[in-house]
Amino acid sequence: MQVEDYELWDIITHAPLPTLNKNAEGEDVPKTRADCNAEDFKKWEKNAKDKKWLVCGIGLDEYSRIQGCSTAKQIWDILQVAHEGTTLVKRSTGTLLFSEYEKFAMRDGETIQ
């Protein structure tokens, strides 16, 4: 995907820039369709392309996990956790594998073959 359009990859990994306005209380709220400009529509077009790339590359099991997502970033985060785990899971898995490696030894009577 990076070769096709690096901006698409950036949107997947860092989320699209939000299309927000400030309301009377100073809170960010999504823009209405009437308030969106050409740049906002371009952002959402890129997000739609990203979603298409991600959805086309998964099977039915993964699709059931991500069908409610509205952005490519949400899809990417769910798939990343499902296939790689969280940072804590990766760290504990690495620690477990390293301890198993350290305990590896030949048993009495075993040969290399």
PDB file of N, CA and C in Angstrom:
ATOM      1  N   MET A   1       0.821  -1.179   0.000  1.00  0.00           N
ATOM      2  CA  MET A   1       0.000   0.000   0.000  1.00  0.00           C
ATOM      3  C   MET A   1       0.873   1.254   0.000  1.00  0.00           C
ATOM      4  N   GLN A   2       2.002   1.192   0.664  1.00  0.00           N
ATOM      5  CA  GLN A   2       2.893   2.351   0.701  1.00  0.00           C
ATOM      6  C   GLN A   2       3.364   2.725  -0.702  1.00  0.00           C
ATOM      7  N   VAL A   3       3.543   1.729  -1.552  1.00  0.00           N
ATOM      8  CA  VAL A   3       3.998   1.991  -2.921  1.00  0.00           C
ATOM      9  C   VAL A   3       2.910   2.686  -3.724  1.00  0.00           C
ATOM     10  N   GLU A   4       1.657   2.284  -3.515  1.00  0.00           N
ATOM     11  CA  GLU A   4       0.549   2.877  -4.263  1.00  0.00           C
ATOM     12  C   GLU A   4       0.306   4.337  -3.879  1.00  0.00           C
ATOM     13  N   ASP A   5       0.242   4.599  -2.585  1.00  0.00           N
ATOM     14  CA  ASP A   5      -0.037   5.958  -2.114  1.00  0.00           C
ATOM     15  C   ASP A   5       0.357   6.016  -0.643  1.00  0.00           C
ATOM     16  N   TYR A   6       1.482   6.658  -0.358  1.00  0.00           N
ATOM     17  CA  TYR A   6       1.983   6.684   1.018  1.00  0.00           C
ATOM     18  C   TYR A   6       1.011   7.382   1.966  1.00  0.00           C
ATOM     19  N   GLU A   7       0.272   8.342   1.461  1.00  0.00           N
ATOM     20  CA  GLU A   7      -0.695   9.043   2.303  1.00  0.00           C
ATOM     21  C   GLU A   7      -1.771   8.081   2.804  1.00  0.00           C
ATOM     22  N   LEU A   8      -2.147   7.091   1.992  1.00  0.00           N
ATOM     23  CA  LEU A   8      -3.122   6.090   2.432  1.00  0.00           C
ATOM     24  C   LEU A   8      -2.583   5.309   3.628  1.00  0.00           C
ATOM     25  N   TRP A   9      -1.317   4.930   3.560  1.00  0.00           N
ATOM     26  CA  TRP A   9      -0.705   4.194   4.661  1.00  0.00           C
ATOM     27  C   TRP A   9      -0.654   5.063   5.918  1.00  0.00           C
ATOM     28  N   ASP A  10      -0.353   6.320   5.759  1.00  0.00           N
ATOM     29  CA  ASP A  10      -0.305   7.232   6.898  1.00  0.00           C
ATOM     30  C   ASP A  10      -1.680   7.364   7.551  1.00  0.00           C
ATOM     31  N   ILE A  11      -2.723   7.392   6.745  1.00  0.00           N
ATOM     32  CA  ILE A  11      -4.082   7.484   7.286  1.00  0.00           C
ATOM     33  C   ILE A  11      -4.431   6.226   8.076  1.00  0.00           C
ATOM     34  N   ILE A  12      -4.024   5.066   7.583  1.00  0.00           N
ATOM     35  CA  ILE A  12      -4.301   3.809   8.286  1.00  0.00           C
ATOM     36  C   ILE A  12      -3.584   3.774   9.632  1.00  0.00           C
ATOM     37  N   THR A  13      -2.331   4.154   9.645  1.00  0.00           N
ATOM     38  CA  THR A  13      -1.549   4.015  10.867  1.00  0.00           C
ATOM     39  C   THR A  13      -1.717   5.176  11.843  1.00  0.00           C
ATOM     40  N   HIS A  14      -2.106   6.352  11.345  1.00  0.00           N
ATOM     41  CA  HIS A  14      -2.215   7.517  12.233  1.00  0.00           C
ATOM     42  C   HIS A  14      -3.604   8.144  12.242  1.00  0.00           C
ATOM     43  N   ALA A  15      -4.546   7.589  11.572  1.00  0.00           N
ATOM     44  CA  ALA A  15      -5.934   8.069  11.494  1.00  0.00           C
ATOM     45  C   ALA A  15      -6.042   9.317  10.615  1.00  0.00           C
ATOM     46  N   PRO A  16      -7.154   9.460   9.927  1.00  0.00           N
ATOM     47  CA  PRO A  16      -7.327  10.653   9.088  1.00  0.00           C
ATOM     48  C   PRO A  16      -7.483  11.898   9.957  1.00  0.00           C
ATOM     49  N   LEU A  17      -7.116  13.018   9.400  1.00  0.00           N
ATOM     50  CA  LEU A  17      -7.319  14.257  10.131  1.00  0.00           C
ATOM     51  C   LEU A  17      -8.816  14.449  10.320  1.00  0.00           C
ATOM     52  N   PRO A  18      -9.238  14.773  11.523  1.00  0.00           N
ATOM     53  CA  PRO A  18     -10.675  14.892  11.766  1.00  0.00           C
ATOM     54  C   PRO A  18     -11.278  16.102  11.051  1.00  0.00           C
ATOM     55  N   THR A  19     -12.507  15.962  10.672  1.00  0.00           N
ATOM     56  CA  THR A  19     -13.249  17.081  10.096  1.00  0.00           C
ATOM     57  C   THR A  19     -14.209  17.569  11.173  1.00  0.00           C
ATOM     58  N   LEU A  20     -13.717  18.478  12.002  1.00  0.00           N
ATOM     59  CA  LEU A  20     -14.468  18.935  13.167  1.00  0.00           C
ATOM     60  C   LEU A  20     -14.645  20.451  13.152  1.00  0.00           C
ATOM     61  N   ASN A  21     -15.658  20.904  13.839  1.00  0.00           N
ATOM     62  CA  ASN A  21     -15.917  22.317  14.101  1.00  0.00           C
ATOM     63  C   ASN A  21     -16.061  22.495  15.596  1.00  0.00           C
ATOM     64  N   LYS A  22     -15.879  23.704  16.060  1.00  0.00           N
ATOM     65  CA  LYS A  22     -16.127  24.018  17.467  1.00  0.00           C
ATOM     66  C   LYS A  22     -17.585  24.446  17.613  1.00  0.00           C
ATOM     67  N   ASN A  23     -18.265  23.920  18.640  1.00  0.00           N
ATOM     68  CA  ASN A  23     -19.638  24.353  18.898  1.00  0.00           C
ATOM     69  C   ASN A  23     -19.618  25.562  19.850  1.00  0.00           C
ATOM     70  N   ALA A  24     -20.775  25.996  20.295  1.00  0.00           N
ATOM     71  CA  ALA A  24     -20.885  27.183  21.146  1.00  0.00           C
ATOM     72  C   ALA A  24     -20.136  27.017  22.466  1.00  0.00           C
ATOM     73  N   GLU A  25     -20.030  25.774  22.961  1.00  0.00           N
ATOM     74  CA  GLU A  25     -19.331  25.506  24.217  1.00  0.00           C
ATOM     75  C   GLU A  25     -17.830  25.314  24.006  1.00  0.00           C
ATOM     76  N   GLY A  26     -17.373  25.397  22.763  1.00  0.00           N
ATOM     77  CA  GLY A  26     -15.955  25.216  22.465  1.00  0.00           C
ATOM     78  C   GLY A  26     -15.526  23.775  22.304  1.00  0.00           C
ATOM     79  N   GLU A  27     -16.484  22.866  22.218  1.00  0.00           N
ATOM     80  CA  GLU A  27     -16.189  21.441  22.047  1.00  0.00           C
ATOM     81  C   GLU A  27     -16.086  21.113  20.558  1.00  0.00           C
ATOM     82  N   ASP A  28     -15.236  20.137  20.231  1.00  0.00           N
ATOM     83  CA  ASP A  28     -15.136  19.678  18.853  1.00  0.00           C
ATOM     84  C   ASP A  28     -16.312  18.769  18.534  1.00  0.00           C
ATOM     85  N   VAL A  29     -17.008  19.075  17.460  1.00  0.00           N
ATOM     86  CA  VAL A  29     -18.119  18.249  16.991  1.00  0.00           C
ATOM     87  C   VAL A  29     -17.920  17.996  15.506  1.00  0.00           C
ATOM     88  N   PRO A  30     -18.363  16.840  15.004  1.00  0.00           N
ATOM     89  CA  PRO A  30     -18.212  16.565  13.570  1.00  0.00           C
ATOM     90  C   PRO A  30     -18.938  17.617  12.729  1.00  0.00           C
ATOM     91  N   LYS A  31     -18.322  17.954  11.604  1.00  0.00           N
ATOM     92  CA  LYS A  31     -18.952  18.908  10.692  1.00  0.00           C
ATOM     93  C   LYS A  31     -20.180  18.277  10.052  1.00  0.00           C
ATOM     94  N   THR A  32     -21.163  19.101   9.765  1.00  0.00           N
ATOM     95  CA  THR A  32     -22.304  18.621   8.995  1.00  0.00           C
ATOM     96  C   THR A  32     -21.886  18.575   7.533  1.00  0.00           C
ATOM     97  N   ARG A  33     -22.649  17.879   6.743  1.00  0.00           N
ATOM     98  CA  ARG A  33     -22.317  17.768   5.318  1.00  0.00           C
ATOM     99  C   ARG A  33     -22.240  19.151   4.670  1.00  0.00           C
ATOM    100  N   ALA A  34     -23.112  20.055   5.066  1.00  0.00           N
ATOM    101  CA  ALA A  34     -23.124  21.402   4.490  1.00  0.00           C
ATOM    102  C   ALA A  34     -21.861  22.188   4.851  1.00  0.00           C
ATOM    103  N   ASP A  35     -21.253  21.880   6.010  1.00  0.00           N
ATOM    104  CA  ASP A  35     -20.059  22.597   6.441  1.00  0.00           C
ATOM    105  C   ASP A  35     -18.767  22.055   5.835  1.00  0.00           C
ATOM    106  N   CYS A  36     -18.810  20.887   5.251  1.00  0.00           N
ATOM    107  CA  CYS A  36     -17.602  20.272   4.699  1.00  0.00           C
ATOM    108  C   CYS A  36     -17.170  20.980   3.420  1.00  0.00           C
ATOM    109  N   ASN A  37     -15.864  21.090   3.272  1.00  0.00           N
ATOM    110  CA  ASN A  37     -15.306  21.671   2.049  1.00  0.00           C
ATOM    111  C   ASN A  37     -14.628  20.573   1.235  1.00  0.00           C
ATOM    112  N   ALA A  38     -14.020  20.946   0.132  1.00  0.00           N
ATOM    113  CA  ALA A  38     -13.390  19.965  -0.761  1.00  0.00           C
ATOM    114  C   ALA A  38     -12.284  19.190  -0.054  1.00  0.00           C
ATOM    115  N   GLU A  39     -11.531  19.848   0.815  1.00  0.00           N
ATOM    116  CA  GLU A  39     -10.445  19.183   1.541  1.00  0.00           C
ATOM    117  C   GLU A  39     -10.993  18.116   2.491  1.00  0.00           C
ATOM    118  N   ASP A  40     -12.105  18.423   3.151  1.00  0.00           N
ATOM    119  CA  ASP A  40     -12.728  17.445   4.049  1.00  0.00           C
ATOM    120  C   ASP A  40     -13.189  16.213   3.276  1.00  0.00           C
ATOM    121  N   PHE A  41     -13.814  16.445   2.121  1.00  0.00           N
ATOM    122  CA  PHE A  41     -14.269  15.311   1.304  1.00  0.00           C
ATOM    123  C   PHE A  41     -13.085  14.497   0.801  1.00  0.00           C
ATOM    124  N   LYS A  42     -11.959  15.134   0.525  1.00  0.00           N
ATOM    125  CA  LYS A  42     -10.759  14.426   0.086  1.00  0.00           C
ATOM    126  C   LYS A  42     -10.250  13.506   1.201  1.00  0.00           C
ATOM    127  N   LYS A  43     -10.299  13.992   2.441  1.00  0.00           N
ATOM    128  CA  LYS A  43      -9.878  13.175   3.586  1.00  0.00           C
ATOM    129  C   LYS A  43     -10.736  11.920   3.698  1.00  0.00           C
ATOM    130  N   TRP A  44     -12.056  12.105   3.574  1.00  0.00           N
ATOM    131  CA  TRP A  44     -12.940  10.957   3.712  1.00  0.00           C
ATOM    132  C   TRP A  44     -12.871  10.032   2.509  1.00  0.00           C
ATOM    133  N   GLU A  45     -12.533  10.578   1.353  1.00  0.00           N
ATOM    134  CA  GLU A  45     -12.318   9.730   0.172  1.00  0.00           C
ATOM    135  C   GLU A  45     -11.103   8.831   0.395  1.00  0.00           C
ATOM    136  N   LYS A  46     -10.039   9.407   0.941  1.00  0.00           N
ATOM    137  CA  LYS A  46      -8.836   8.611   1.232  1.00  0.00           C
ATOM    138  C   LYS A  46      -9.150   7.545   2.286  1.00  0.00           C
ATOM    139  N   ASN A  47      -9.936   7.906   3.300  1.00  0.00           N
ATOM    140  CA  ASN A  47     -10.326   6.945   4.327  1.00  0.00           C
ATOM    141  C   ASN A  47     -11.127   5.793   3.705  1.00  0.00           C
ATOM    142  N   ALA A  48     -12.026   6.105   2.784  1.00  0.00           N
ATOM    143  CA  ALA A  48     -12.828   5.071   2.118  1.00  0.00           C
ATOM    144  C   ALA A  48     -11.937   4.142   1.294  1.00  0.00           C
ATOM    145  N   LYS A  49     -10.939   4.701   0.623  1.00  0.00           N
ATOM    146  CA  LYS A  49      -9.996   3.861  -0.139  1.00  0.00           C
ATOM    147  C   LYS A  49      -9.244   2.925   0.792  1.00  0.00           C
ATOM    148  N   ASP A  50      -8.795   3.461   1.921  1.00  0.00           N
ATOM    149  CA  ASP A  50      -8.089   2.633   2.900  1.00  0.00           C
ATOM    150  C   ASP A  50      -8.965   1.500   3.404  1.00  0.00           C
ATOM    151  N   LYS A  51     -10.204   1.825   3.731  1.00  0.00           N
ATOM    152  CA  LYS A  51     -11.117   0.793   4.211  1.00  0.00           C
ATOM    153  C   LYS A  51     -11.290  -0.294   3.154  1.00  0.00           C
ATOM    154  N   LYS A  52     -11.405   0.115   1.895  1.00  0.00           N
ATOM    155  CA  LYS A  52     -11.551  -0.857   0.800  1.00  0.00           C
ATOM    156  C   LYS A  52     -10.336  -1.772   0.745  1.00  0.00           C
ATOM    157  N   TRP A  53      -9.131  -1.219   0.822  1.00  0.00           N
ATOM    158  CA  TRP A  53      -7.902  -2.017   0.776  1.00  0.00           C
ATOM    159  C   TRP A  53      -7.882  -3.024   1.920  1.00  0.00           C
ATOM    160  N   LEU A  54      -8.234  -2.578   3.104  1.00  0.00           N
ATOM    161  CA  LEU A  54      -8.190  -3.463   4.263  1.00  0.00           C
ATOM    162  C   LEU A  54      -9.258  -4.549   4.203  1.00  0.00           C
ATOM    163  N   VAL A  55     -10.469  -4.185   3.834  1.00  0.00           N
ATOM    164  CA  VAL A  55     -11.577  -5.142   3.797  1.00  0.00           C
ATOM    165  C   VAL A  55     -11.357  -6.186   2.699  1.00  0.00           C
ATOM    166  N   CYS A  56     -10.802  -5.779   1.577  1.00  0.00           N
ATOM    167  CA  CYS A  56     -10.568  -6.730   0.484  1.00  0.00           C
ATOM    168  C   CYS A  56      -9.506  -7.762   0.834  1.00  0.00           C
ATOM    169  N   GLY A  57      -8.667  -7.464   1.815  1.00  0.00           N
ATOM    170  CA  GLY A  57      -7.587  -8.376   2.163  1.00  0.00           C
ATOM    171  C   GLY A  57      -7.886  -9.300   3.328  1.00  0.00           C
ATOM    172  N   ILE A  58      -9.124  -9.332   3.816  1.00  0.00           N
ATOM    173  CA  ILE A  58      -9.426 -10.167   4.980  1.00  0.00           C
ATOM    174  C   ILE A  58     -10.503 -11.193   4.651  1.00  0.00           C
ATOM    175  N   GLY A  59     -10.629 -12.168   5.530  1.00  0.00           N
ATOM    176  CA  GLY A  59     -11.643 -13.196   5.360  1.00  0.00           C
ATOM    177  C   GLY A  59     -12.900 -12.874   6.154  1.00  0.00           C
ATOM    178  N   LEU A  60     -13.845 -13.806   6.140  1.00  0.00           N
ATOM    179  CA  LEU A  60     -15.116 -13.598   6.824  1.00  0.00           C
ATOM    180  C   LEU A  60     -14.966 -13.471   8.339  1.00  0.00           C
ATOM    181  N   ASP A  61     -14.034 -14.229   8.928  1.00  0.00           N
ATOM    182  CA  ASP A  61     -13.844 -14.160  10.380  1.00  0.00           C
ATOM    183  C   ASP A  61     -13.407 -12.767  10.807  1.00  0.00           C
ATOM    184  N   GLU A  62     -12.453 -12.209  10.077  1.00  0.00           N
ATOM    185  CA  GLU A  62     -11.984 -10.872  10.409  1.00  0.00           C
ATOM    186  C   GLU A  62     -13.046  -9.825  10.103  1.00  0.00           C
ATOM    187  N   TYR A  63     -13.809 -10.028   9.053  1.00  0.00           N
ATOM    188  CA  TYR A  63     -14.820  -9.039   8.687  1.00  0.00           C
ATOM    189  C   TYR A  63     -15.852  -8.859   9.799  1.00  0.00           C
ATOM    190  N   SER A  64     -16.197  -9.947  10.463  1.00  0.00           N
ATOM    191  CA  SER A  64     -17.178  -9.831  11.550  1.00  0.00           C
ATOM    192  C   SER A  64     -16.628  -8.981  12.697  1.00  0.00           C
ATOM    193  N   ARG A  65     -15.305  -8.943  12.848  1.00  0.00           N
ATOM    194  CA  ARG A  65     -14.694  -8.116  13.888  1.00  0.00           C
ATOM    195  C   ARG A  65     -14.748  -6.631  13.553  1.00  0.00           C
ATOM    196  N   ILE A  66     -14.645  -6.298  12.269  1.00  0.00           N
ATOM    197  CA  ILE A  66     -14.446  -4.900  11.887  1.00  0.00           C
ATOM    198  C   ILE A  66     -15.645  -4.265  11.195  1.00  0.00           C
ATOM    199  N   GLN A  67     -16.738  -4.981  11.041  1.00  0.00           N
ATOM    200  CA  GLN A  67     -17.849  -4.470  10.245  1.00  0.00           C
ATOM    201  C   GLN A  67     -18.465  -3.186  10.793  1.00  0.00           C
ATOM    202  N   GLY A  68     -18.319  -2.899  12.073  1.00  0.00           N
ATOM    203  CA  GLY A  68     -18.883  -1.685  12.643  1.00  0.00           C
ATOM    204  C   GLY A  68     -17.945  -0.492  12.637  1.00  0.00           C
ATOM    205  N   CYS A  69     -16.738  -0.648  12.117  1.00  0.00           N
ATOM    206  CA  CYS A  69     -15.745   0.430  12.136  1.00  0.00           C
ATOM    207  C   CYS A  69     -16.059   1.481  11.077  1.00  0.00           C
ATOM    208  N   SER A  70     -15.817   2.739  11.441  1.00  0.00           N
ATOM    209  CA  SER A  70     -16.093   3.818  10.493  1.00  0.00           C
ATOM    210  C   SER A  70     -14.825   4.400   9.875  1.00  0.00           C
ATOM    211  N   THR A  71     -13.656   4.091  10.452  1.00  0.00           N
ATOM    212  CA  THR A  71     -12.417   4.603   9.874  1.00  0.00           C
ATOM    213  C   THR A  71     -11.436   3.467   9.637  1.00  0.00           C
ATOM    214  N   ALA A  72     -10.515   3.702   8.725  1.00  0.00           N
ATOM    215  CA  ALA A  72      -9.479   2.719   8.429  1.00  0.00           C
ATOM    216  C   ALA A  72      -8.597   2.491   9.651  1.00  0.00           C
ATOM    217  N   LYS A  73      -8.367   3.526  10.430  1.00  0.00           N
ATOM    218  CA  LYS A  73      -7.545   3.411  11.639  1.00  0.00           C
ATOM    219  C   LYS A  73      -8.182   2.448  12.639  1.00  0.00           C
ATOM    220  N   GLN A  74      -9.502   2.522  12.811  1.00  0.00           N
ATOM    221  CA  GLN A  74     -10.190   1.603  13.719  1.00  0.00           C
ATOM    222  C   GLN A  74     -10.026   0.163  13.234  1.00  0.00           C
ATOM    223  N   ILE A  75     -10.195  -0.052  11.931  1.00  0.00           N
ATOM    224  CA  ILE A  75     -10.025  -1.390  11.358  1.00  0.00           C
ATOM    225  C   ILE A  75      -8.609  -1.885  11.609  1.00  0.00           C
ATOM    226  N   TRP A  76      -7.623  -1.045  11.328  1.00  0.00           N
ATOM    227  CA  TRP A  76      -6.220  -1.423  11.482  1.00  0.00           C
ATOM    228  C   TRP A  76      -5.918  -1.796  12.935  1.00  0.00           C
ATOM    229  N   ASP A  77      -6.389  -1.005  13.882  1.00  0.00           N
ATOM    230  CA  ASP A  77      -6.121  -1.281  15.293  1.00  0.00           C
ATOM    231  C   ASP A  77      -6.721  -2.612  15.724  1.00  0.00           C
ATOM    232  N   ILE A  78      -7.946  -2.900  15.293  1.00  0.00           N
ATOM    233  CA  ILE A  78      -8.600  -4.166  15.652  1.00  0.00           C
ATOM    234  C   ILE A  78      -7.853  -5.351  15.048  1.00  0.00           C
ATOM    235  N   LEU A  79      -7.486  -5.253  13.780  1.00  0.00           N
ATOM    236  CA  LEU A  79      -6.764  -6.348  13.131  1.00  0.00           C
ATOM    237  C   LEU A  79      -5.374  -6.540  13.731  1.00  0.00           C
ATOM    238  N   GLN A  80      -4.729  -5.455  14.077  1.00  0.00           N
ATOM    239  CA  GLN A  80      -3.395  -5.539  14.664  1.00  0.00           C
ATOM    240  C   GLN A  80      -3.435  -6.259  16.010  1.00  0.00           C
ATOM    241  N   VAL A  81      -4.397  -5.921  16.857  1.00  0.00           N
ATOM    242  CA  VAL A  81      -4.521  -6.585  18.154  1.00  0.00           C
ATOM    243  C   VAL A  81      -4.907  -8.047  17.967  1.00  0.00           C
ATOM    244  N   ALA A  82      -5.799  -8.318  17.009  1.00  0.00           N
ATOM    245  CA  ALA A  82      -6.248  -9.701  16.785  1.00  0.00           C
ATOM    246  C   ALA A  82      -5.111 -10.600  16.306  1.00  0.00           C
ATOM    247  N   HIS A  83      -4.209 -10.057  15.504  1.00  0.00           N
ATOM    248  CA  HIS A  83      -3.161 -10.900  14.923  1.00  0.00           C
ATOM    249  C   HIS A  83      -1.820 -10.798  15.631  1.00  0.00           C
ATOM    250  N   GLU A  84      -1.535  -9.686  16.261  1.00  0.00           N
ATOM    251  CA  GLU A  84      -0.253  -9.532  16.933  1.00  0.00           C
ATOM    252  C   GLU A  84      -0.387  -9.448  18.433  1.00  0.00           C
ATOM    253  N   GLY A  85      -1.534  -9.048  18.930  1.00  0.00           N
ATOM    254  CA  GLY A  85      -1.717  -8.851  20.361  1.00  0.00           C
ATOM    255  C   GLY A  85      -1.280  -7.455  20.764  1.00  0.00           C
ATOM    256  N   THR A  86      -1.572  -7.114  21.993  1.00  0.00           N
ATOM    257  CA  THR A  86      -1.172  -5.809  22.504  1.00  0.00           C
ATOM    258  C   THR A  86       0.312  -5.834  22.851  1.00  0.00           C
ATOM    259  N   THR A  87       0.862  -4.694  23.153  1.00  0.00           N
ATOM    260  CA  THR A  87       2.278  -4.606  23.517  1.00  0.00           C
ATOM    261  C   THR A  87       2.564  -5.457  24.746  1.00  0.00           C
ATOM    262  N   LEU A  88       1.655  -5.449  25.707  1.00  0.00           N
ATOM    263  CA  LEU A  88       1.841  -6.252  26.920  1.00  0.00           C
ATOM    264  C   LEU A  88       1.866  -7.742  26.595  1.00  0.00           C
ATOM    265  N   VAL A  89       0.972  -8.183  25.711  1.00  0.00           N
ATOM    266  CA  VAL A  89       0.934  -9.597  25.317  1.00  0.00           C
ATOM    267  C   VAL A  89       2.224  -9.974  24.603  1.00  0.00           C
ATOM    268  N   LYS A  90       2.691  -9.111  23.689  1.00  0.00           N
ATOM    269  CA  LYS A  90       3.936  -9.402  22.970  1.00  0.00           C
ATOM    270  C   LYS A  90       5.116  -9.499  23.930  1.00  0.00           C
ATOM    271  N   ARG A  91       5.171  -8.585  24.892  1.00  0.00           N
ATOM    272  CA  ARG A  91       6.277  -8.578  25.849  1.00  0.00           C
ATOM    273  C   ARG A  91       6.260  -9.840  26.695  1.00  0.00           C
ATOM    274  N   SER A  92       5.092 -10.236  27.184  1.00  0.00           N
ATOM    275  CA  SER A  92       5.021 -11.429  28.032  1.00  0.00           C
ATOM    276  C   SER A  92       5.296 -12.695  27.219  1.00  0.00           C
ATOM    277  N   THR A  93       4.862 -12.731  25.971  1.00  0.00           N
ATOM    278  CA  THR A  93       5.160 -13.875  25.105  1.00  0.00           C
ATOM    279  C   THR A  93       6.661 -13.976  24.867  1.00  0.00           C
ATOM    280  N   GLY A  94       7.293 -12.840  24.606  1.00  0.00           N
ATOM    281  CA  GLY A  94       8.746 -12.825  24.410  1.00  0.00           C
ATOM    282  C   GLY A  94       9.484 -13.286  25.644  1.00  0.00           C
ATOM    283  N   THR A  95       9.044 -12.865  26.818  1.00  0.00           N
ATOM    284  CA  THR A  95       9.670 -13.279  28.074  1.00  0.00           C
ATOM    285  C   THR A  95       9.515 -14.780  28.276  1.00  0.00           C
ATOM    286  N   LEU A  96       8.317 -15.296  27.987  1.00  0.00           N
ATOM    287  CA  LEU A  96       8.073 -16.729  28.123  1.00  0.00           C
ATOM    288  C   LEU A  96       8.963 -17.534  27.179  1.00  0.00           C
ATOM    289  N   LEU A  97       9.042 -17.119  25.926  1.00  0.00           N
ATOM    290  CA  LEU A  97       9.876 -17.839  24.955  1.00  0.00           C
ATOM    291  C   LEU A  97      11.347 -17.778  25.336  1.00  0.00           C
ATOM    292  N   PHE A  98      11.801 -16.631  25.826  1.00  0.00           N
ATOM    293  CA  PHE A  98      13.196 -16.494  26.232  1.00  0.00           C
ATOM    294  C   PHE A  98      13.509 -17.403  27.409  1.00  0.00           C
ATOM    295  N   SER A  99      12.591 -17.504  28.378  1.00  0.00           N
ATOM    296  CA  SER A  99      12.841 -18.381  29.528  1.00  0.00           C
ATOM    297  C   SER A  99      12.846 -19.848  29.095  1.00  0.00           C
ATOM    298  N   GLU A 100      11.996 -20.218  28.158  1.00  0.00           N
ATOM    299  CA  GLU A 100      12.010 -21.594  27.644  1.00  0.00           C
ATOM    300  C   GLU A 100      13.330 -21.883  26.929  1.00  0.00           C
ATOM    301  N   TYR A 101      13.833 -20.909  26.195  1.00  0.00           N
ATOM    302  CA  TYR A 101      15.111 -21.067  25.496  1.00  0.00           C
ATOM    303  C   TYR A 101      16.241 -21.243  26.499  1.00  0.00           C
ATOM    304  N   GLU A 102      16.240 -20.464  27.566  1.00  0.00           N
ATOM    305  CA  GLU A 102      17.294 -20.575  28.565  1.00  0.00           C
ATOM    306  C   GLU A 102      17.273 -21.927  29.272  1.00  0.00           C
ATOM    307  N   LYS A 103      16.096 -22.520  29.431  1.00  0.00           N
ATOM    308  CA  LYS A 103      15.975 -23.813  30.117  1.00  0.00           C
ATOM    309  C   LYS A 103      16.279 -24.994  29.189  1.00  0.00           C
ATOM    310  N   PHE A 104      16.431 -24.735  27.904  1.00  0.00           N
ATOM    311  CA  PHE A 104      16.649 -25.805  26.933  1.00  0.00           C
ATOM    312  C   PHE A 104      17.973 -26.507  27.218  1.00  0.00           C
ATOM    313  N   ALA A 105      17.920 -27.801  27.368  1.00  0.00           N
ATOM    314  CA  ALA A 105      19.121 -28.597  27.644  1.00  0.00           C
ATOM    315  C   ALA A 105      18.892 -30.021  27.164  1.00  0.00           C
ATOM    316  N   MET A 106      19.991 -30.701  26.918  1.00  0.00           N
ATOM    317  CA  MET A 106      19.902 -32.115  26.531  1.00  0.00           C
ATOM    318  C   MET A 106      19.585 -32.943  27.771  1.00  0.00           C
ATOM    319  N   ARG A 107      18.791 -33.944  27.594  1.00  0.00           N
ATOM    320  CA  ARG A 107      18.484 -34.857  28.686  1.00  0.00           C
ATOM    321  C   ARG A 107      19.563 -35.938  28.741  1.00  0.00           C
ATOM    322  N   ASP A 108      19.646 -36.610  29.864  1.00  0.00           N
ATOM    323  CA  ASP A 108      20.587 -37.693  29.987  1.00  0.00           C
ATOM    324  C   ASP A 108      20.287 -38.765  28.946  1.00  0.00           C
ATOM    325  N   GLY A 109      21.267 -39.196  28.263  1.00  0.00           N
ATOM    326  CA  GLY A 109      21.106 -40.248  27.272  1.00  0.00           C
ATOM    327  C   GLY A 109      20.726 -39.735  25.879  1.00  0.00           C
ATOM    328  N   GLU A 110      20.425 -38.469  25.726  1.00  0.00           N
ATOM    329  CA  GLU A 110      20.093 -37.913  24.420  1.00  0.00           C
ATOM    330  C   GLU A 110      21.351 -37.585  23.643  1.00  0.00           C
ATOM    331  N   THR A 111      21.245 -37.759  22.334  1.00  0.00           N
ATOM    332  CA  THR A 111      22.342 -37.345  21.468  1.00  0.00           C
ATOM    333  C   THR A 111      21.891 -36.175  20.624  1.00  0.00           C
ATOM    334  N   ILE A 112      22.793 -35.551  19.958  1.00  0.00           N
ATOM    335  CA  ILE A 112      22.421 -34.406  19.106  1.00  0.00           C
ATOM    336  C   ILE A 112      21.481 -34.852  17.997  1.00  0.00           C
ATOM    337  N   GLN A 113      21.673 -36.061  17.520  1.00  0.00           N
ATOM    338  CA  GLN A 113      20.817 -36.553  16.446  1.00  0.00           C
ATOM    339  C   GLN A 113      19.455 -36.869  16.984  1.00  0.00           C
TER     340      GLN A 113
END
